[in-house]
Every structure is written in C-alpha cells, then in structure tokens.
Amino acid sequence: MDACAVQSDMEGKYDLVMVYDVLHDVPFPSKLLEGAYKALKQGGQLILQDIETTGSLTENKQTAGGREDW
C-alpha cells in the first residue's frame, strides 16, 4: 500500500498503522502522515519512530560514531 496515496477503499480500514525508520526517506513526509491517518479507523493508533538526522549526510555520518560502512 502506498501510504502517500491511500485509495478510498482503504480509508478507515486499519486499527493500527506503524511507520518505522522511513519518514526521513520519503520526499513528502506530510503526505505519508496524511495517508496514514486516512487509513486508520476512528480511534485507531499511529505508531511512528524515526531516526534523528541533521539534514546533512556528512554530519549524520559523524553523528553515527564514525562508522565507515556508510
């Protein structure tokens, strides 16, 4: 399912939507979140977890503890 383009037959269908470590990779995070909320039933839950980034690949590499496998 494309969470950025939820089809009408998928709206209000899910009790739970989980978004793990992808929000920083999508071009339009707000569209993903809007789609996730559309897919949820009333009273449903969204669980979201993402990595902390700086917006700079170089700085992110340094923050990751000097890992060389990037």
PDB file of N, CA and C in Angstrom:
ATOM      1  N   MET A   1       0.845  -1.179   0.000  1.00  0.00           N
ATOM      2  CA  MET A   1       0.000   0.000   0.000  1.00  0.00           C
ATOM      3  C   MET A   1       0.885   1.236   0.000  1.00  0.00           C
ATOM      4  N   ASP A   2       0.545   2.195  -0.827  1.00  0.00           N
ATOM      5  CA  ASP A   2       1.260   3.466  -0.868  1.00  0.00           C
ATOM      6  C   ASP A   2       0.595   4.406   0.131  1.00  0.00           C
ATOM      7  N   ALA A   3       1.233   4.628   1.253  1.00  0.00           N
ATOM      8  CA  ALA A   3       0.639   5.449   2.312  1.00  0.00           C
ATOM      9  C   ALA A   3       0.487   6.903   1.901  1.00  0.00           C
ATOM     10  N   CYS A   4       1.189   7.312   0.860  1.00  0.00           N
ATOM     11  CA  CYS A   4       1.057   8.694   0.393  1.00  0.00           C
ATOM     12  C   CYS A   4      -0.148   8.869  -0.530  1.00  0.00           C
ATOM     13  N   ALA A   5      -0.720   7.771  -0.983  1.00  0.00           N
ATOM     14  CA  ALA A   5      -1.860   7.824  -1.908  1.00  0.00           C
ATOM     15  C   ALA A   5      -2.879   6.747  -1.528  1.00  0.00           C
ATOM     16  N   VAL A   6      -3.492   6.880  -0.383  1.00  0.00           N
ATOM     17  CA  VAL A   6      -4.432   5.880   0.119  1.00  0.00           C
ATOM     18  C   VAL A   6      -5.700   5.880  -0.740  1.00  0.00           C
ATOM     19  N   GLN A   7      -6.060   4.724  -1.248  1.00  0.00           N
ATOM     20  CA  GLN A   7      -7.262   4.563  -2.072  1.00  0.00           C
ATOM     21  C   GLN A   7      -8.494   4.668  -1.173  1.00  0.00           C
ATOM     22  N   SER A   8      -9.601   5.092  -1.744  1.00  0.00           N
ATOM     23  CA  SER A   8     -10.814   5.306  -0.946  1.00  0.00           C
ATOM     24  C   SER A   8     -11.282   4.022  -0.257  1.00  0.00           C
ATOM     25  N   ASP A   9     -11.056   2.849  -0.877  1.00  0.00           N
ATOM     26  CA  ASP A   9     -11.480   1.598  -0.247  1.00  0.00           C
ATOM     27  C   ASP A   9     -10.593   1.200   0.932  1.00  0.00           C
ATOM     28  N   MET A  10      -9.487   1.917   1.141  1.00  0.00           N
ATOM     29  CA  MET A  10      -8.590   1.639   2.262  1.00  0.00           C
ATOM     30  C   MET A  10      -8.796   2.615   3.420  1.00  0.00           C
ATOM     31  N   GLU A  11      -9.575   3.664   3.204  1.00  0.00           N
ATOM     32  CA  GLU A  11      -9.768   4.676   4.243  1.00  0.00           C
ATOM     33  C   GLU A  11     -10.555   4.095   5.410  1.00  0.00           C
ATOM     34  N   GLY A  12     -10.085   4.374   6.606  1.00  0.00           N
ATOM     35  CA  GLY A  12     -10.767   3.930   7.818  1.00  0.00           C
ATOM     36  C   GLY A  12     -10.789   2.430   8.006  1.00  0.00           C
ATOM     37  N   LYS A  13      -9.803   1.735   7.469  1.00  0.00           N
ATOM     38  CA  LYS A  13      -9.797   0.269   7.489  1.00  0.00           C
ATOM     39  C   LYS A  13      -8.923  -0.342   8.591  1.00  0.00           C
ATOM     40  N   TYR A  14      -7.958   0.402   9.093  1.00  0.00           N
ATOM     41  CA  TYR A  14      -6.956  -0.184   9.985  1.00  0.00           C
ATOM     42  C   TYR A  14      -7.054   0.340  11.411  1.00  0.00           C
ATOM     43  N   ASP A  15      -6.830  -0.575  12.356  1.00  0.00           N
ATOM     44  CA  ASP A  15      -6.780  -0.216  13.774  1.00  0.00           C
ATOM     45  C   ASP A  15      -5.419   0.371  14.142  1.00  0.00           C
ATOM     46  N   LEU A  16      -4.403  -0.032  13.415  1.00  0.00           N
ATOM     47  CA  LEU A  16      -3.032   0.346  13.746  1.00  0.00           C
ATOM     48  C   LEU A  16      -2.226   0.558  12.473  1.00  0.00           C
ATOM     49  N   VAL A  17      -1.493   1.644  12.428  1.00  0.00           N
ATOM     50  CA  VAL A  17      -0.529   1.894  11.356  1.00  0.00           C
ATOM     51  C   VAL A  17       0.810   2.157  12.028  1.00  0.00           C
ATOM     52  N   MET A  18       1.851   1.438  11.572  1.00  0.00           N
ATOM     53  CA  MET A  18       3.192   1.607  12.135  1.00  0.00           C
ATOM     54  C   MET A  18       4.123   2.143  11.052  1.00  0.00           C
ATOM     55  N   VAL A  19       4.869   3.174  11.389  1.00  0.00           N
ATOM     56  CA  VAL A  19       5.818   3.796  10.469  1.00  0.00           C
ATOM     57  C   VAL A  19       7.175   3.818  11.176  1.00  0.00           C
ATOM     58  N   TYR A  20       8.075   2.952  10.757  1.00  0.00           N
ATOM     59  CA  TYR A  20       9.377   2.839  11.420  1.00  0.00           C
ATOM     60  C   TYR A  20      10.515   3.171  10.461  1.00  0.00           C
ATOM     61  N   ASP A  21      11.309   4.143  10.822  1.00  0.00           N
ATOM     62  CA  ASP A  21      12.558   4.478  10.119  1.00  0.00           C
ATOM     63  C   ASP A  21      12.381   4.724   8.619  1.00  0.00           C
ATOM     64  N   VAL A  22      11.274   5.322   8.211  1.00  0.00           N
ATOM     65  CA  VAL A  22      11.090   5.642   6.796  1.00  0.00           C
ATOM     66  C   VAL A  22      10.745   7.108   6.563  1.00  0.00           C
ATOM     67  N   LEU A  23      10.260   7.786   7.561  1.00  0.00           N
ATOM     68  CA  LEU A  23       9.783   9.152   7.377  1.00  0.00           C
ATOM     69  C   LEU A  23      10.875  10.060   6.806  1.00  0.00           C
ATOM     70  N   HIS A  24      12.111   9.844   7.222  1.00  0.00           N
ATOM     71  CA  HIS A  24      13.221  10.675   6.742  1.00  0.00           C
ATOM     72  C   HIS A  24      13.582  10.387   5.285  1.00  0.00           C
ATOM     73  N   ASP A  25      13.106   9.276   4.735  1.00  0.00           N
ATOM     74  CA  ASP A  25      13.444   8.890   3.364  1.00  0.00           C
ATOM     75  C   ASP A  25      12.401   9.294   2.321  1.00  0.00           C
ATOM     76  N   VAL A  26      11.195   9.619   2.729  1.00  0.00           N
ATOM     77  CA  VAL A  26      10.149   9.946   1.755  1.00  0.00           C
ATOM     78  C   VAL A  26      10.236  11.416   1.357  1.00  0.00           C
ATOM     79  N   PRO A  27       9.939  11.720   0.085  1.00  0.00           N
ATOM     80  CA  PRO A  27      10.067  13.104  -0.361  1.00  0.00           C
ATOM     81  C   PRO A  27       9.055  14.060   0.270  1.00  0.00           C
ATOM     82  N   PHE A  28       7.884  13.555   0.636  1.00  0.00           N
ATOM     83  CA  PHE A  28       6.846  14.403   1.224  1.00  0.00           C
ATOM     84  C   PHE A  28       6.296  13.739   2.489  1.00  0.00           C
ATOM     85  N   PRO A  29       7.006  13.881   3.614  1.00  0.00           N
ATOM     86  CA  PRO A  29       6.593  13.223   4.856  1.00  0.00           C
ATOM     87  C   PRO A  29       5.170  13.570   5.275  1.00  0.00           C
ATOM     88  N   SER A  30       4.739  14.791   5.024  1.00  0.00           N
ATOM     89  CA  SER A  30       3.386  15.176   5.434  1.00  0.00           C
ATOM     90  C   SER A  30       2.326  14.376   4.670  1.00  0.00           C
ATOM     91  N   LYS A  31       2.602  14.036   3.407  1.00  0.00           N
ATOM     92  CA  LYS A  31       1.655  13.213   2.637  1.00  0.00           C
ATOM     93  C   LYS A  31       1.572  11.799   3.207  1.00  0.00           C
ATOM     94  N   LEU A  32       2.711  11.264   3.635  1.00  0.00           N
ATOM     95  CA  LEU A  32       2.704   9.938   4.252  1.00  0.00           C
ATOM     96  C   LEU A  32       1.861   9.951   5.522  1.00  0.00           C
ATOM     97  N   LEU A  33       2.032  10.975   6.348  1.00  0.00           N
ATOM     98  CA  LEU A  33       1.267  11.059   7.594  1.00  0.00           C
ATOM     99  C   LEU A  33      -0.226  11.258   7.320  1.00  0.00           C
ATOM    100  N   GLU A  34      -0.559  12.073   6.345  1.00  0.00           N
ATOM    101  CA  GLU A  34      -1.968  12.253   5.976  1.00  0.00           C
ATOM    102  C   GLU A  34      -2.575  10.928   5.529  1.00  0.00           C
ATOM    103  N   GLY A  35      -1.828  10.180   4.720  1.00  0.00           N
ATOM    104  CA  GLY A  35      -2.302   8.876   4.259  1.00  0.00           C
ATOM    105  C   GLY A  35      -2.472   7.884   5.400  1.00  0.00           C
ATOM    106  N   ALA A  36      -1.531   7.910   6.331  1.00  0.00           N
ATOM    107  CA  ALA A  36      -1.624   7.009   7.485  1.00  0.00           C
ATOM    108  C   ALA A  36      -2.885   7.302   8.285  1.00  0.00           C
ATOM    109  N   TYR A  37      -3.171   8.583   8.505  1.00  0.00           N
ATOM    110  CA  TYR A  37      -4.371   8.945   9.258  1.00  0.00           C
ATOM    111  C   TYR A  37      -5.647   8.579   8.501  1.00  0.00           C
ATOM    112  N   LYS A  38      -5.634   8.712   7.182  1.00  0.00           N
ATOM    113  CA  LYS A  38      -6.805   8.318   6.384  1.00  0.00           C
ATOM    114  C   LYS A  38      -7.068   6.820   6.490  1.00  0.00           C
ATOM    115  N   ALA A  39      -6.004   6.031   6.554  1.00  0.00           N
ATOM    116  CA  ALA A  39      -6.138   4.582   6.598  1.00  0.00           C
ATOM    117  C   ALA A  39      -6.640   4.085   7.956  1.00  0.00           C
ATOM    118  N   LEU A  40      -6.484   4.904   8.990  1.00  0.00           N
ATOM    119  CA  LEU A  40      -6.882   4.491  10.340  1.00  0.00           C
ATOM    120  C   LEU A  40      -8.390   4.565  10.549  1.00  0.00           C
ATOM    121  N   LYS A  41      -8.890   3.581  11.279  1.00  0.00           N
ATOM    122  CA  LYS A  41     -10.270   3.653  11.764  1.00  0.00           C
ATOM    123  C   LYS A  41     -10.342   4.762  12.804  1.00  0.00           C
ATOM    124  N   GLN A  42     -11.546   5.248  13.069  1.00  0.00           N
ATOM    125  CA  GLN A  42     -11.691   6.223  14.145  1.00  0.00           C
ATOM    126  C   GLN A  42     -11.257   5.558  15.447  1.00  0.00           C
ATOM    127  N   GLY A  43     -10.411   6.225  16.196  1.00  0.00           N
ATOM    128  CA  GLY A  43      -9.874   5.662  17.433  1.00  0.00           C
ATOM    129  C   GLY A  43      -8.652   4.790  17.202  1.00  0.00           C
ATOM    130  N   GLY A  44      -8.230   4.629  15.922  1.00  0.00           N
ATOM    131  CA  GLY A  44      -7.045   3.835  15.613  1.00  0.00           C
ATOM    132  C   GLY A  44      -5.787   4.543  16.081  1.00  0.00           C
ATOM    133  N   GLN A  45      -4.679   3.810  16.048  1.00  0.00           N
ATOM    134  CA  GLN A  45      -3.419   4.361  16.558  1.00  0.00           C
ATOM    135  C   GLN A  45      -2.342   4.372  15.485  1.00  0.00           C
ATOM    136  N   LEU A  46      -1.563   5.429  15.498  1.00  0.00           N
ATOM    137  CA  LEU A  46      -0.383   5.535  14.655  1.00  0.00           C
ATOM    138  C   LEU A  46       0.828   5.433  15.556  1.00  0.00           C
ATOM    139  N   ILE A  47       1.711   4.500  15.256  1.00  0.00           N
ATOM    140  CA  ILE A  47       2.976   4.374  15.979  1.00  0.00           C
ATOM    141  C   ILE A  47       4.064   4.776  15.004  1.00  0.00           C
ATOM    142  N   LEU A  48       4.835   5.788  15.380  1.00  0.00           N
ATOM    143  CA  LEU A  48       5.854   6.328  14.495  1.00  0.00           C
ATOM    144  C   LEU A  48       7.177   6.419  15.237  1.00  0.00           C
ATOM    145  N   GLN A  49       8.235   5.959  14.591  1.00  0.00           N
ATOM    146  CA  GLN A  49       9.573   6.076  15.148  1.00  0.00           C
ATOM    147  C   GLN A  49      10.508   6.341  13.978  1.00  0.00           C
ATOM    148  N   ASP A  50      11.388   7.296  14.126  1.00  0.00           N
ATOM    149  CA  ASP A  50      12.318   7.600  13.061  1.00  0.00           C
ATOM    150  C   ASP A  50      13.666   7.984  13.660  1.00  0.00           C
ATOM    151  N   ILE A  51      14.662   8.009  12.829  1.00  0.00           N
ATOM    152  CA  ILE A  51      15.997   8.361  13.291  1.00  0.00           C
ATOM    153  C   ILE A  51      16.136   9.874  13.377  1.00  0.00           C
ATOM    154  N   GLU A  52      17.048  10.315  14.201  1.00  0.00           N
ATOM    155  CA  GLU A  52      17.354  11.737  14.292  1.00  0.00           C
ATOM    156  C   GLU A  52      18.383  12.060  13.220  1.00  0.00           C
ATOM    157  N   THR A  53      18.090  13.059  12.411  1.00  0.00           N
ATOM    158  CA  THR A  53      19.044  13.473  11.383  1.00  0.00           C
ATOM    159  C   THR A  53      19.262  14.977  11.462  1.00  0.00           C
ATOM    160  N   THR A  54      20.334  15.408  10.820  1.00  0.00           N
ATOM    161  CA  THR A  54      20.653  16.832  10.812  1.00  0.00           C
ATOM    162  C   THR A  54      20.277  17.493   9.500  1.00  0.00           C
ATOM    163  N   GLY A  55      19.988  16.703   8.471  1.00  0.00           N
ATOM    164  CA  GLY A  55      19.744  17.249   7.150  1.00  0.00           C
ATOM    165  C   GLY A  55      21.007  17.272   6.300  1.00  0.00           C
ATOM    166  N   SER A  56      22.120  16.881   6.884  1.00  0.00           N
ATOM    167  CA  SER A  56      23.401  16.840   6.178  1.00  0.00           C
ATOM    168  C   SER A  56      23.970  15.436   6.269  1.00  0.00           C
ATOM    169  N   LEU A  57      24.214  14.806   5.128  1.00  0.00           N
ATOM    170  CA  LEU A  57      24.757  13.452   5.121  1.00  0.00           C
ATOM    171  C   LEU A  57      26.100  13.394   5.844  1.00  0.00           C
ATOM    172  N   THR A  58      26.952  14.375   5.604  1.00  0.00           N
ATOM    173  CA  THR A  58      28.266  14.414   6.255  1.00  0.00           C
ATOM    174  C   THR A  58      28.120  14.476   7.775  1.00  0.00           C
ATOM    175  N   GLU A  59      27.252  15.368   8.266  1.00  0.00           N
ATOM    176  CA  GLU A  59      27.046  15.483   9.709  1.00  0.00           C
ATOM    177  C   GLU A  59      26.407  14.217  10.275  1.00  0.00           C
ATOM    178  N   ASN A  60      25.482  13.615   9.533  1.00  0.00           N
ATOM    179  CA  ASN A  60      24.843  12.386  10.001  1.00  0.00           C
ATOM    180  C   ASN A  60      25.872  11.269  10.157  1.00  0.00           C
ATOM    181  N   LYS A  61      26.807  11.184   9.229  1.00  0.00           N
ATOM    182  CA  LYS A  61      27.855  10.161   9.332  1.00  0.00           C
ATOM    183  C   LYS A  61      28.700  10.380  10.582  1.00  0.00           C
ATOM    184  N   GLN A  62      29.030  11.632  10.861  1.00  0.00           N
ATOM    185  CA  GLN A  62      29.833  11.938  12.043  1.00  0.00           C
ATOM    186  C   GLN A  62      29.063  11.625  13.317  1.00  0.00           C
ATOM    187  N   THR A  63      27.784  11.924  13.331  1.00  0.00           N
ATOM    188  CA  THR A  63      26.940  11.670  14.495  1.00  0.00           C
ATOM    189  C   THR A  63      26.799  10.174  14.767  1.00  0.00           C
ATOM    190  N   ALA A  64      26.922   9.364  13.713  1.00  0.00           N
ATOM    191  CA  ALA A  64      26.747   7.917  13.852  1.00  0.00           C
ATOM    192  C   ALA A  64      27.949   7.245  14.482  1.00  0.00           C
ATOM    193  N   GLY A  65      28.885   8.009  14.992  1.00  0.00           N
ATOM    194  CA  GLY A  65      30.014   7.423  15.712  1.00  0.00           C
ATOM    195  C   GLY A  65      31.177   7.053  14.821  1.00  0.00           C
ATOM    196  N   GLY A  66      31.291   7.714  13.686  1.00  0.00           N
ATOM    197  CA  GLY A  66      32.432   7.458  12.815  1.00  0.00           C
ATOM    198  C   GLY A  66      32.357   6.133  12.079  1.00  0.00           C
ATOM    199  N   ARG A  67      31.171   5.591  11.902  1.00  0.00           N
ATOM    200  CA  ARG A  67      31.058   4.333  11.164  1.00  0.00           C
ATOM    201  C   ARG A  67      31.610   4.500   9.761  1.00  0.00           C
ATOM    202  N   GLU A  68      32.346   3.514   9.300  1.00  0.00           N
ATOM    203  CA  GLU A  68      32.950   3.573   7.971  1.00  0.00           C
ATOM    204  C   GLU A  68      32.145   2.811   6.935  1.00  0.00           C
ATOM    205  N   ASP A  69      31.083   2.132   7.338  1.00  0.00           N
ATOM    206  CA  ASP A  69      30.344   1.272   6.394  1.00  0.00           C
ATOM    207  C   ASP A  69      29.177   2.005   5.741  1.00  0.00           C
ATOM    208  N   TRP A  70      29.198   3.324   5.677  1.00  0.00           N
ATOM    209  CA  TRP A  70      28.122   4.100   5.053  1.00  0.00           C
ATOM    210  C   TRP A  70      28.300   4.125   3.579  1.00  0.00           C
TER     211      TRP A  70
END
